[in-house]
Protein backbone atom coordinates (compact mmCIF):
# COMPACT_ATOMS: atom_id res chain seq x y z
CA MET A 1 106.47 130.62 118.91
CA PRO A 2 106.98 128.22 115.92
CA ILE A 3 105.48 124.77 116.49
CA GLY A 4 108.89 123.11 116.11
CA GLU A 5 109.95 124.63 119.43
CA TYR A 6 107.31 122.55 121.21
CA PHE A 7 108.68 119.18 120.07
CA GLN A 8 110.64 117.30 122.71
CA THR A 9 113.36 114.72 122.10
CA ALA A 10 114.90 112.09 124.34
CA ASP A 11 116.60 108.73 124.31
CA TRP A 12 113.72 106.25 123.96
CA LYS A 13 115.53 103.83 126.29
CA LYS A 14 115.04 106.34 129.12
CA GLU A 15 111.87 108.16 128.05
CA LYS A 16 108.47 106.51 127.47
CA HIS A 17 107.18 109.28 125.16
CA ALA A 18 109.89 109.33 122.47
CA PRO A 19 108.93 107.60 119.20
CA VAL A 20 111.09 104.60 118.32
CA ILE A 21 111.86 104.04 114.62
CA GLU A 22 113.05 100.50 113.82
CA CYS A 23 114.12 99.45 110.34
CA SER A 24 117.19 98.55 108.30
CA ASP A 25 119.90 101.23 108.17
CA VAL A 26 120.87 100.44 104.56
CA ILE A 27 118.67 99.24 101.68
CA ASN A 28 118.93 98.91 97.90
CA THR A 29 117.17 101.34 95.54
CA GLY A 30 113.50 100.43 95.22
CA GLU A 31 113.67 97.76 97.91
CA GLU A 32 110.80 97.63 100.39
CA LEU A 33 111.69 99.13 103.76
CA VAL A 34 109.58 97.82 106.63
CA ILE A 35 109.36 100.40 109.42
CA SER A 36 108.09 99.77 112.94
CA LEU A 37 107.04 102.75 115.07
CA THR A 38 106.53 102.36 118.79
CA ILE A 39 105.95 104.57 121.80
CA GLY A 40 107.09 103.16 125.14
CA LYS A 41 109.34 100.38 123.85
CA GLU A 42 111.61 100.13 126.92
CA ILE A 43 109.39 101.93 129.42
CA PRO A 44 105.69 101.23 128.74
CA HIS A 45 103.52 104.27 128.19
CA PRO A 46 100.13 104.24 129.94
CA ASN A 47 97.14 103.79 127.70
CA THR A 48 94.32 105.04 129.83
CA THR A 49 91.50 107.48 129.32
CA GLU A 50 93.47 110.04 131.35
CA HIS A 51 96.95 109.48 129.84
CA HIS A 52 97.56 108.13 126.34
CA ILE A 53 99.25 108.57 122.95
CA ASN A 54 96.85 110.08 120.40
CA TRP A 55 98.90 109.58 117.22
CA ILE A 56 102.23 108.92 115.53
CA ALA A 57 103.16 110.57 112.20
CA LEU A 58 106.00 109.48 109.92
CA TYR A 59 107.89 111.60 107.37
CA PHE A 60 110.80 110.95 105.01
CA LYS A 61 113.23 113.74 104.02
CA PRO A 62 115.30 112.65 100.99
CA GLU A 63 118.82 114.12 100.91
CA THR A 64 118.12 115.36 97.37
CA GLU A 65 114.93 117.30 98.17
CA LYS A 66 114.10 120.46 100.10
CA PHE A 67 111.09 119.25 102.07
CA PRO A 68 110.05 116.06 103.87
CA ILE A 69 107.34 113.82 102.46
CA MET A 70 104.56 112.63 104.76
CA VAL A 71 104.43 108.83 104.84
CA GLY A 72 101.41 108.50 107.11
CA ARG A 73 99.67 109.39 110.32
CA TYR A 74 98.40 106.67 112.61
CA ASP A 75 95.70 107.49 115.16
CA PHE A 76 95.11 105.51 118.35
CA LEU A 77 91.53 106.08 119.45
CA GLY A 78 90.73 103.35 121.98
CA HIS A 79 91.73 104.36 125.51
CA GLY A 80 89.21 102.58 127.67
CA ALA A 81 86.58 105.31 127.55
CA SER A 82 83.03 104.10 128.07
CA ILE A 83 79.59 105.25 129.11
CA LYS A 84 80.20 103.03 132.16
CA GLY A 85 83.04 105.32 133.21
CA VAL A 86 86.72 106.09 132.87
CA ASN A 87 88.82 103.04 131.87
CA GLU A 88 85.72 100.82 131.84
CA GLY A 89 85.67 100.39 128.07
CA SER A 90 86.27 97.22 126.08
CA LEU A 91 89.03 98.57 123.81
CA TYR A 92 92.57 99.83 124.35
CA THR A 93 94.86 100.53 121.38
CA ALA A 94 98.63 100.13 121.66
CA PRO A 95 100.79 102.95 120.23
CA LYS A 96 102.56 100.66 117.75
CA VAL A 97 102.34 100.52 113.97
CA GLN A 98 104.21 99.01 111.03
CA THR A 99 104.37 100.42 107.52
CA THR A 100 106.31 99.71 104.33
CA ILE A 101 107.82 102.19 101.87
CA LYS A 102 110.13 102.16 98.84
CA ILE A 103 112.71 104.92 98.47
CA ASN A 104 115.27 105.74 95.79
CA ASN A 105 117.45 108.17 97.74
CA SER A 106 119.16 108.22 101.11
CA GLY A 107 117.54 110.45 103.69
CA THR A 108 116.05 110.79 107.14
CA LEU A 109 112.96 109.23 108.64
CA MET A 110 111.26 111.52 111.15
CA ALA A 111 108.58 110.34 113.59
CA THR A 112 106.43 112.64 115.67
CA SER A 113 103.90 111.73 118.33
CA TYR A 114 101.45 113.36 120.71
CA CYS A 115 100.73 112.49 124.34
CA ASN A 116 97.57 114.08 125.71
CA ILE A 117 99.45 115.14 128.87
CA HIS A 118 103.12 115.51 127.86
CA GLY A 119 102.74 117.03 124.41
CA LEU A 120 104.71 116.61 121.20
CA TRP A 121 107.72 114.33 120.73
CA GLU A 122 110.01 113.56 117.81
CA SER A 123 112.86 111.29 116.74
CA THR A 124 114.87 110.67 113.57
CA LYS A 125 116.74 107.87 111.83
CA GLU A 126 119.12 108.06 108.86
CA ILE A 127 118.56 105.62 105.98
CA LYS A 128 121.20 104.94 103.31
CA VAL A 129 120.27 103.68 99.84
CA ALA A 130 123.00 101.61 98.20
């Protein structure tokens, strides 16, 4: 089965695993676009040793090109693991990240994420360049 068939989608307001892409809908050519990516915006996602988000990846697919361009992948490695025991660690990362890009063409932002229990998730957002 192709990997794309394993990606799940949902309305992030009702599902804690769906990536949320927040940024302006319309920008000018060459203008910086600040993008916030979050998992669990409306419904918090657990961040425990047993149940956590491993990573979020962001891609941009320009309307004028055949393939998407990878913007970045952001790993979340602190989930409370410790030699003392499960969830006894000193560090917990939150599945949130902000990045900035410049684009010259309209297109689609695509975010994917991975939950260690509930698998792969994706969402998209259209961006128009004026």
